[in-house]
């Protein structure tokens, strides 16, 4: 069989070394993603101020919700591709990729239309501070209009992850980040377009990255494993069923977590624009450790999927163990940094002394979250890698709805702890996913499941 340069076999070799080397490009990719969104916040904070920070942080949560729904189905395709590779069913990959492209593209257009037609109702429901409302509306409309590009390059990256390729996603995200940086400075700084300028910089960067990725992969279609023929984009019923069956719970999982953040933001917004901006900056900082450690999970999922597809369960379990080790080490370093330099990190984003003063409340509350994140990178990757999307969905609803919203309300409103209580509830919620997922993995119940490759 001809060697496919855009795919990699993880069913043999040194797991610790493979996971580490596979993780590093994903960490770099996610670092660029964080840089991508962080640039918006820093430049908006510098040129627009606290109200602009609030606008970007609130509207980006809405766009992220739609993006994560699309990403749920993209990740389903990633798992299907990885298990197909592990089972040696490479001929099915062309149909899976074509069906996935068509399905996710149509879904992104539908979600964009919903946001554009109901943006006023959405913003009103979030209790956006009056000082930020018009800017939040502009940012939301512009970014929603470019949702297909955001979903598109996330889709390409997910497909390549499933095939074991970490280098090309880094290239594509690097292009988007570089363009976004330059245009952010030009549009928001030099031209004075404010929050709208940051939105246009984001959309244009994503569009160029997505178009380049399609051109790049088309030129290397033999190595990619997809022929790009028109008929290949026609959805196949069998794969629609597999993608929706696996992707719907994943999309609900992703959507619930982001939807819950909208509710928490709504409660925090009632405290005022300073609390809104502080939370927006804090969540952006936390996104750094979240996205970087997520690189470990991104690497672990296809490794687990390939070994499950190849019926090598012991190798799949060892991937989880090493994911836990790497996640714990990384999280410990970040927590130390956060404890010693937390206020200084907030000062990078905002020059408002009120935001700096409130930052210590955010930090005290959010530190509880990081041990749960360390656990989730391993056991969460395992649940996703074996294709148990229903369990993942249940745990995500427990995390995102029952606990994130419930605990934030309980601490912030019922106990009257205000801003600190809202953030504390947000920080404790991930244990609703971390602890049950770890128990599920250790129990071995999953070994009775059949693989997704059996249905291909």
Protein backbone atom coordinates (compact mmCIF):
# COMPACT_ATOMS: atom_id res chain seq x y z
CA UNK A 1 0.00 0.00 0.00
CA UNK A 2 1.29 3.46 -0.92
CA UNK A 3 2.36 5.48 2.09
CA UNK A 4 -0.08 8.30 2.80
CA UNK A 5 1.99 11.31 3.89
CA UNK A 6 -0.97 13.10 5.46
CA UNK A 7 -1.80 10.23 7.81
CA UNK A 8 0.04 8.41 10.58
CA UNK A 9 -0.33 4.97 12.15
CA UNK A 10 -0.51 5.07 15.96
CA UNK A 11 -1.27 1.37 16.48
CA UNK A 12 2.42 0.61 17.04
CA UNK A 13 5.44 2.36 18.51
CA UNK A 14 6.32 4.19 21.75
CA UNK A 15 3.11 5.74 23.10
CA UNK A 16 4.71 8.30 25.42
CA UNK A 17 6.92 9.65 22.65
CA UNK A 18 4.16 9.56 20.03
CA UNK A 19 1.69 11.42 22.24
CA UNK A 20 4.24 14.07 23.18
CA UNK A 21 5.40 14.69 19.61
CA UNK A 22 1.82 14.64 18.31
CA UNK A 23 0.70 17.01 21.08
CA UNK A 24 3.28 19.74 20.48
CA UNK A 25 1.95 20.89 17.06
CA UNK A 26 -1.59 20.91 18.45
CA UNK A 27 -0.44 22.99 21.41
CA UNK A 28 1.20 25.38 18.98
CA UNK A 29 -1.98 25.47 16.86
CA UNK A 30 -4.11 26.17 19.90
CA UNK A 31 -1.64 28.79 21.10
CA UNK A 32 -2.20 30.57 17.80
CA UNK A 33 -5.96 30.24 18.30
CA UNK A 34 -5.60 31.83 21.71
CA UNK A 35 -3.37 34.51 20.19
CA UNK A 36 -6.01 35.00 17.51
CA UNK A 37 -8.73 35.87 20.03
CA UNK A 38 -6.36 37.53 22.49
CA UNK A 39 -5.22 40.03 19.87
CA UNK A 40 -8.82 41.22 19.53
CA UNK A 41 -9.12 41.71 23.27
CA UNK A 42 -5.80 43.52 23.72
CA UNK A 43 -6.27 45.88 20.79
CA UNK A 44 -9.92 46.56 21.63
CA UNK A 45 -8.95 47.17 25.26
CA UNK A 46 -6.25 49.61 24.12
CA UNK A 47 -8.23 51.56 21.52
CA UNK A 48 -11.87 51.18 22.62
CA UNK A 49 -11.75 50.59 26.38
CA UNK A 50 -13.72 48.61 28.96
CA UNK A 51 -17.05 48.83 27.10
CA UNK A 52 -15.38 47.40 24.00
CA UNK A 53 -13.89 44.53 25.98
CA UNK A 54 -17.32 43.70 27.32
CA UNK A 55 -18.81 43.81 23.79
CA UNK A 56 -16.21 41.47 22.29
CA UNK A 57 -16.31 38.99 25.19
CA UNK A 58 -20.12 38.76 25.14
CA UNK A 59 -20.65 38.54 21.36
CA UNK A 60 -17.79 36.11 20.89
CA UNK A 61 -19.56 33.74 23.28
CA UNK A 62 -22.55 33.64 20.94
CA UNK A 63 -20.40 33.01 17.87
CA UNK A 64 -18.43 30.40 19.81
CA UNK A 65 -21.67 28.59 20.60
CA UNK A 66 -22.44 28.20 16.89
CA UNK A 67 -18.83 27.31 16.13
CA UNK A 68 -18.76 24.60 18.79
CA UNK A 69 -21.97 23.04 17.48
CA UNK A 70 -20.33 22.72 14.05
CA UNK A 71 -17.15 21.47 15.69
CA UNK A 72 -19.11 18.72 17.43
CA UNK A 73 -19.99 17.20 14.06
CA UNK A 74 -16.47 17.80 12.75
CA UNK A 75 -15.08 15.90 15.73
CA UNK A 76 -17.50 13.08 14.98
CA UNK A 77 -15.97 12.85 11.53
CA UNK A 78 -12.52 12.88 13.09
CA UNK A 79 -13.35 9.84 15.25
CA UNK A 80 -14.92 7.99 12.29
CA UNK A 81 -11.85 8.59 10.14
CA UNK A 82 -9.44 7.52 12.88
CA UNK A 83 -11.33 4.30 13.61
CA UNK A 84 -11.61 3.58 9.87
CA UNK A 85 -7.83 3.97 9.57
CA UNK A 86 -7.22 1.72 12.57
CA UNK A 87 -9.50 -0.94 11.08
CA UNK A 88 -7.78 -0.67 7.68
CA UNK A 89 -10.92 0.68 5.93
CA UNK A 90 -9.22 3.44 3.93
CA UNK A 91 -11.58 3.23 0.96
CA UNK A 92 -14.44 4.52 3.11
CA UNK A 93 -12.50 7.68 3.99
CA UNK A 94 -13.34 9.53 0.75
CA UNK A 95 -17.08 9.17 1.35
CA UNK A 96 -16.79 10.14 5.02
CA UNK A 97 -14.83 13.32 4.19
CA UNK A 98 -17.18 14.39 1.37
CA UNK A 99 -20.31 13.83 3.44
CA UNK A 100 -18.78 15.68 6.38
CA UNK A 101 -17.83 18.72 4.27
CA UNK A 102 -21.34 19.08 2.86
CA UNK A 103 -23.10 18.49 6.17
CA UNK A 104 -21.03 20.92 8.26
CA UNK A 105 -21.11 23.64 5.57
CA UNK A 106 -24.91 23.50 5.40
CA UNK A 107 -25.16 23.53 9.20
CA UNK A 108 -22.92 26.60 9.51
CA UNK A 109 -25.04 28.52 7.01
CA UNK A 110 -28.19 27.61 8.92
CA UNK A 111 -26.75 28.72 12.27
CA UNK A 112 -25.47 31.96 10.75
CA UNK A 113 -28.94 32.72 9.41
CA UNK A 114 -30.50 32.10 12.84
CA UNK A 115 -28.04 34.47 14.53
CA UNK A 116 -28.44 37.20 11.90
CA UNK A 117 -32.25 37.12 12.02
CA UNK A 118 -32.51 36.95 15.82
CA UNK A 119 -29.43 38.87 16.99
CA UNK A 120 -31.49 41.54 18.78
CA UNK A 121 -33.42 38.99 20.81
CA UNK A 122 -30.21 37.14 21.69
CA UNK A 123 -28.40 40.28 22.86
CA UNK A 124 -31.42 41.46 24.85
CA UNK A 125 -31.62 38.09 26.61
CA UNK A 126 -27.95 38.36 27.62
CA UNK A 127 -28.47 41.68 29.44
CA UNK A 128 -25.63 43.34 27.52
CA UNK A 129 -24.56 46.55 29.34
CA UNK A 130 -25.96 49.64 27.56
CA UNK A 131 -22.45 51.03 27.04
CA UNK A 132 -21.51 47.92 25.05
CA UNK A 133 -24.74 47.08 23.23
CA UNK A 134 -24.17 48.71 19.83
CA UNK A 135 -20.60 47.44 19.62
CA UNK A 136 -21.68 43.94 20.62
CA UNK A 137 -24.33 44.00 17.87
CA UNK A 138 -21.80 45.01 15.20
CA UNK A 139 -19.30 42.36 16.28
CA UNK A 140 -21.97 39.65 16.34
CA UNK A 141 -23.40 40.45 12.90
CA UNK A 142 -19.99 40.58 11.21
CA UNK A 143 -18.65 37.40 12.80
CA UNK A 144 -21.88 35.48 12.20
CA UNK A 145 -21.68 36.42 8.52
CA UNK A 146 -18.29 34.67 8.34
CA UNK A 147 -19.31 31.59 10.33
CA UNK A 148 -18.90 29.28 7.32
CA UNK A 149 -15.19 30.15 7.18
CA UNK A 150 -14.73 29.51 10.90
CA UNK A 151 -16.55 26.17 10.64
CA UNK A 152 -14.64 25.36 7.46
CA UNK A 153 -11.11 25.62 8.75
CA UNK A 154 -12.11 23.88 12.00
CA UNK A 155 -13.52 21.09 9.84
CA UNK A 156 -10.33 20.76 7.81
CA UNK A 157 -8.27 20.66 11.02
CA UNK A 158 -10.53 17.99 12.56
CA UNK A 159 -10.27 15.79 9.46
CA UNK A 160 -6.48 16.06 9.45
CA UNK A 161 -6.34 15.30 13.19
CA UNK A 162 -8.32 12.14 12.57
CA UNK A 163 -5.74 11.12 9.99
CA UNK A 164 -2.89 11.74 12.41
CA UNK A 165 -1.64 14.98 10.83
CA UNK A 166 -0.83 17.83 13.21
CA UNK A 167 1.44 19.97 11.03
CA UNK A 168 -1.04 21.25 8.42
CA UNK A 169 -3.60 22.52 10.96
CA UNK A 170 -0.75 24.52 12.50
CA UNK A 171 0.02 26.01 9.09
CA UNK A 172 -3.59 26.98 8.41
CA UNK A 173 -4.14 28.54 11.82
CA UNK A 174 -0.82 30.36 11.53
CA UNK A 175 -2.04 32.05 8.34
CA UNK A 176 -5.29 33.15 9.98
CA UNK A 177 -3.48 34.48 13.06
CA UNK A 178 -0.94 36.48 11.06
CA UNK A 179 -3.63 38.11 8.92
CA UNK A 180 -5.78 38.82 11.97
CA UNK A 181 -2.88 40.51 13.77
CA UNK A 182 -2.07 42.83 10.89
CA UNK A 183 -5.69 43.71 10.12
CA UNK A 184 -6.55 44.22 13.80
CA UNK A 185 -3.87 46.87 14.08
CA UNK A 186 -4.88 48.51 10.78
CA UNK A 187 -8.67 48.38 11.19
CA UNK A 188 -9.03 49.04 14.91
CA UNK A 189 -5.89 51.04 15.60
CA UNK A 190 -5.04 53.08 12.51
CA UNK A 191 -8.47 53.38 10.89
CA UNK A 192 -10.42 53.68 14.14
CA UNK A 193 -13.14 51.16 13.22
CA UNK A 194 -13.38 50.01 16.84
CA UNK A 195 -14.97 46.66 17.67
CA UNK A 196 -16.27 46.30 14.10
CA UNK A 197 -12.67 46.49 12.85
CA UNK A 198 -11.67 43.61 15.13
CA UNK A 199 -14.60 41.57 13.80
CA UNK A 200 -13.65 42.22 10.17
CA UNK A 201 -10.04 41.26 10.91
CA UNK A 202 -11.23 37.96 12.39
CA UNK A 203 -13.53 37.08 9.50
CA UNK A 204 -11.02 37.96 6.79
CA UNK A 205 -8.27 35.96 8.52
CA UNK A 206 -10.52 32.90 8.78
CA UNK A 207 -11.70 33.22 5.19
CA UNK A 208 -8.19 33.40 3.74
CA UNK A 209 -7.05 30.47 5.92
CA UNK A 210 -9.98 28.28 4.86
CA UNK A 211 -9.61 29.05 1.15
CA UNK A 212 -5.86 28.40 1.33
CA UNK A 213 -6.43 25.08 3.14
CA UNK A 214 -8.80 23.89 0.42
CA UNK A 215 -6.35 24.88 -2.30
CA UNK A 216 -3.47 23.23 -0.42
CA UNK A 217 -5.33 19.96 0.11
CA UNK A 218 -6.66 19.92 -3.46
CA UNK A 219 -3.10 20.11 -4.78
CA UNK A 220 -2.22 17.16 -2.49
CA UNK A 221 -5.48 15.26 -2.86
CA UNK A 222 -3.81 11.89 -3.46
CA UNK A 223 -1.95 12.13 -0.16
CA UNK A 224 -4.99 13.63 1.56
CA UNK A 225 -7.25 10.74 0.59
CA UNK A 226 -10.10 12.82 -0.87
CA UNK A 227 -10.51 13.32 -4.62
CA UNK A 228 -12.54 16.61 -4.49
CA UNK A 229 -14.82 15.37 -7.29
CA UNK A 230 -18.31 16.90 -7.37
CA UNK A 231 -20.02 13.57 -6.81
CA UNK A 232 -17.89 12.94 -3.73
CA UNK A 233 -19.59 15.87 -1.98
CA UNK A 234 -23.00 14.23 -2.36
CA UNK A 235 -23.93 13.06 1.17
CA UNK A 236 -24.10 9.29 1.64
CA UNK A 237 -26.97 8.16 3.83
CA UNK A 238 -24.87 5.63 5.74
CA UNK A 239 -22.34 8.24 6.73
CA UNK A 240 -24.99 10.88 7.44
CA UNK A 241 -26.42 8.46 9.99
CA UNK A 242 -23.01 7.79 11.54
CA UNK A 243 -22.05 11.47 11.61
CA UNK A 244 -25.37 12.62 13.07
CA UNK A 245 -25.54 9.69 15.48
CA UNK A 246 -22.11 10.45 16.85
CA UNK A 247 -22.06 14.19 16.15
CA UNK A 248 -25.43 15.21 17.60
CA UNK A 249 -24.45 14.33 21.18
CA UNK A 250 -21.03 15.95 20.60
CA UNK A 251 -22.69 19.10 19.25
CA UNK A 252 -25.09 19.17 22.20
CA UNK A 253 -22.09 18.69 24.50
CA UNK A 254 -20.19 21.58 22.94
CA UNK A 255 -23.30 23.74 22.70
CA UNK A 256 -24.36 23.15 26.30
CA UNK A 257 -21.05 24.31 27.71
CA UNK A 258 -21.09 27.49 25.63
CA UNK A 259 -24.80 28.06 26.22
CA UNK A 260 -24.27 27.80 29.95
CA UNK A 261 -21.59 30.45 29.69
CA UNK A 262 -24.13 32.77 28.11
CA UNK A 263 -26.39 32.32 31.15
CA UNK A 264 -23.50 32.90 33.54
CA UNK A 265 -22.50 36.00 31.57
CA UNK A 266 -26.06 37.25 31.79
CA UNK A 267 -25.93 37.03 35.58
CA UNK A 268 -22.51 38.70 35.70
CA UNK A 269 -23.65 41.47 33.33
CA UNK A 270 -26.23 42.52 35.89
CA UNK A 271 -23.36 43.41 38.23
CA UNK A 272 -22.11 46.03 35.77
CA UNK A 273 -19.76 46.74 32.90
CA UNK A 274 -16.59 46.37 35.03
CA UNK A 275 -17.63 42.88 36.16
CA UNK A 276 -18.52 42.04 32.56
CA UNK A 277 -15.12 43.19 31.30
CA UNK A 278 -13.25 41.47 34.15
CA UNK A 279 -14.99 38.19 33.44
CA UNK A 280 -14.34 38.60 29.72
CA UNK A 281 -10.62 39.12 30.31
CA UNK A 282 -10.46 36.32 32.88
CA UNK A 283 -12.16 33.81 30.62
CA UNK A 284 -9.76 34.79 27.84
CA UNK A 285 -6.78 34.14 30.14
CA UNK A 286 -8.24 30.80 31.22
CA UNK A 287 -8.70 30.02 27.57
CA UNK A 288 -4.92 29.97 27.30
CA UNK A 289 -4.49 26.98 29.62
CA UNK A 290 -7.70 25.41 28.32
CA UNK A 291 -6.68 25.58 24.67
CA UNK A 292 -3.05 24.61 25.26
CA UNK A 293 -3.93 21.59 27.40
CA UNK A 294 -6.62 20.78 24.85
CA UNK A 295 -3.75 20.05 22.49
CA UNK A 296 -3.12 16.94 24.60
CA UNK A 297 -6.72 15.86 24.14
CA UNK A 298 -6.62 16.59 20.40
CA UNK A 299 -3.61 14.31 20.10
CA UNK A 300 -5.02 11.60 22.36
CA UNK A 301 -8.40 11.24 20.59
CA UNK A 302 -7.14 9.94 17.20
CA UNK A 303 -4.51 7.79 18.92
CA UNK A 304 -7.21 6.19 21.07
CA UNK A 305 -9.59 5.86 18.10
CA UNK A 306 -7.03 4.15 15.89
CA UNK A 307 -6.14 1.63 18.59
CA UNK A 308 -9.78 0.95 19.43
CA UNK A 309 -10.46 0.40 15.71
CA UNK A 310 -7.52 -1.98 15.60
CA UNK A 311 -8.80 -3.80 18.76
CA UNK A 312 -5.71 -2.79 20.74
CA UNK A 313 -7.46 -1.75 23.95
CA UNK A 314 -4.37 -1.87 26.17
CA UNK A 315 -2.56 0.62 23.95
CA UNK A 316 -5.63 2.86 24.05
CA UNK A 317 -5.60 2.77 27.85
CA UNK A 318 -1.92 3.71 27.97
CA UNK A 319 -2.63 6.77 25.85
CA UNK A 320 -5.01 7.95 28.59
CA UNK A 321 -2.43 7.41 31.34
CA UNK A 322 0.18 9.49 29.55
CA UNK A 323 -2.42 12.16 28.72
CA UNK A 324 -3.11 12.49 32.45
CA UNK A 325 0.60 12.80 33.25
CA UNK A 326 1.23 15.47 30.63
CA UNK A 327 -1.93 17.40 31.55
CA UNK A 328 -1.13 17.41 35.26
CA UNK A 329 2.40 18.73 34.65
CA UNK A 330 1.21 21.46 32.29
CA UNK A 331 -1.65 22.55 34.57
CA UNK A 332 0.64 22.78 37.60
CA UNK A 333 2.96 25.16 35.75
CA UNK A 334 0.10 27.40 34.67
CA UNK A 335 -1.51 27.52 38.13
CA UNK A 336 1.83 28.64 39.58
CA UNK A 337 2.05 31.37 36.94
CA UNK A 338 -1.55 32.44 37.57
CA UNK A 339 -1.06 32.66 41.34
CA UNK A 340 2.12 34.74 41.11
CA UNK A 341 1.35 36.95 38.09
CA UNK A 342 -2.45 36.92 37.80
CA UNK A 343 -3.00 40.66 38.22
CA UNK A 344 -0.25 41.41 35.70
CA UNK A 345 -1.96 39.15 33.16
CA UNK A 346 -5.16 41.19 33.51
CA UNK A 347 -3.17 44.39 33.03
CA UNK A 348 -2.10 43.17 29.58
CA UNK A 349 -5.72 43.34 28.42
CA UNK A 350 -7.03 46.38 30.24
CA UNK A 351 -5.66 49.60 31.72
CA UNK A 352 -8.79 50.10 33.83
CA UNK A 353 -7.84 50.06 37.56
CA UNK A 354 -11.34 48.81 38.42
CA UNK A 355 -10.77 45.69 36.30
CA UNK A 356 -7.38 45.15 37.96
CA UNK A 357 -8.97 45.44 41.40
CA UNK A 358 -11.73 42.95 40.61
CA UNK A 359 -9.31 40.47 39.01
CA UNK A 360 -8.26 38.99 42.36
CA UNK A 361 -11.84 37.82 42.99
CA UNK A 362 -11.91 36.11 39.62
CA UNK A 363 -8.55 34.40 40.20
CA UNK A 364 -9.46 33.13 43.68
CA UNK A 365 -12.61 31.50 42.32
CA UNK A 366 -11.36 30.12 39.01
CA UNK A 367 -8.31 28.27 40.39
CA UNK A 368 -10.64 25.48 41.54
CA UNK A 369 -11.29 24.59 37.90
CA UNK A 370 -7.82 23.52 36.75
CA UNK A 371 -7.48 20.08 38.45
CA UNK A 372 -10.73 19.04 36.73
CA UNK A 373 -9.36 20.17 33.37
CA UNK A 374 -6.25 18.03 33.90
CA UNK A 375 -8.40 14.93 34.44
CA UNK A 376 -10.72 15.68 31.52
CA UNK A 377 -7.91 15.75 28.97
CA UNK A 378 -7.35 12.03 29.42
CA UNK A 379 -10.72 10.52 30.28
CA UNK A 380 -12.62 12.98 28.07
CA UNK A 381 -10.40 12.08 25.13
CA UNK A 382 -11.09 8.41 25.82
CA UNK A 383 -14.87 8.76 25.81
CA UNK A 384 -14.68 10.73 22.58
CA UNK A 385 -12.12 8.38 21.02
CA UNK A 386 -14.19 5.25 21.55
CA UNK A 387 -17.23 7.01 20.11
CA UNK A 388 -19.42 7.01 23.24
CA UNK A 389 -20.98 10.35 22.36
CA UNK A 390 -24.14 9.78 24.40
CA UNK A 391 -22.22 9.48 27.66
CA UNK A 392 -20.16 12.51 26.73
CA UNK A 393 -23.37 14.44 26.09
CA UNK A 394 -24.90 13.45 29.43
CA UNK A 395 -21.76 14.49 31.28
CA UNK A 396 -21.60 17.76 29.34
CA UNK A 397 -25.21 18.57 30.26
CA UNK A 398 -24.36 17.81 33.89
CA UNK A 399 -21.34 20.10 33.62
CA UNK A 400 -22.75 22.83 31.40
CA UNK A 401 -26.36 23.08 32.52
CA UNK A 402 -26.99 21.46 35.89
CA UNK A 403 -23.76 22.56 37.55
CA UNK A 404 -22.40 25.57 35.67
CA UNK A 405 -25.70 27.44 35.71
CA UNK A 406 -26.97 25.89 38.94
CA UNK A 407 -23.83 26.48 41.01
CA UNK A 408 -23.34 30.01 39.65
CA UNK A 409 -26.90 30.86 40.66
CA UNK A 410 -26.52 29.14 44.03
CA UNK A 411 -23.28 30.86 45.02
CA UNK A 412 -23.83 34.18 43.28
CA UNK A 413 -27.52 34.85 43.93
CA UNK A 414 -28.85 32.46 46.58
CA UNK A 415 -25.85 32.83 48.92
CA UNK A 416 -25.37 36.44 47.81
CA UNK A 417 -21.66 36.08 46.98
CA UNK A 418 -22.09 38.14 43.80
CA UNK A 419 -19.29 38.19 41.23
CA UNK A 420 -17.07 35.78 43.20
CA UNK A 421 -19.93 33.30 43.51
CA UNK A 422 -20.76 33.39 39.80
CA UNK A 423 -17.16 32.65 38.86
CA UNK A 424 -16.81 29.97 41.57
CA UNK A 425 -19.84 28.11 40.18
CA UNK A 426 -18.35 28.32 36.71
CA UNK A 427 -15.04 26.95 38.01
CA UNK A 428 -16.48 24.00 39.96
CA UNK A 429 -18.78 22.79 37.18
CA UNK A 430 -16.16 20.78 35.19
CA UNK A 431 -15.92 18.25 38.03
CA UNK A 432 -19.34 17.04 36.86
CA UNK A 433 -17.56 15.76 33.75
CA UNK A 434 -14.11 14.96 35.12
CA UNK A 435 -15.04 12.64 37.99
CA UNK A 436 -17.67 10.45 36.23
CA UNK A 437 -15.52 10.16 33.07
CA UNK A 438 -12.56 8.96 35.14
CA UNK A 439 -14.76 6.40 36.92
CA UNK A 440 -16.11 5.17 33.57
CA UNK A 441 -12.62 4.67 32.18
CA UNK A 442 -11.25 2.91 35.25
CA UNK A 443 -14.31 0.63 35.58
CA UNK A 444 -13.70 -1.05 32.20
CA UNK A 445 -17.41 -1.05 31.30
CA UNK A 446 -16.50 0.40 27.91
CA UNK A 447 -14.77 -2.83 26.81
CA UNK A 448 -18.16 -4.36 26.00
CA UNK A 449 -18.88 -1.74 23.32
CA UNK A 450 -18.50 -2.49 19.63
CA UNK A 451 -16.38 -0.13 17.54
CA UNK A 452 -17.73 2.40 15.04
CA UNK A 453 -15.66 0.71 12.35
CA UNK A 454 -17.94 -2.31 12.62
CA UNK A 455 -20.79 -0.24 11.10
CA UNK A 456 -18.79 1.16 8.18
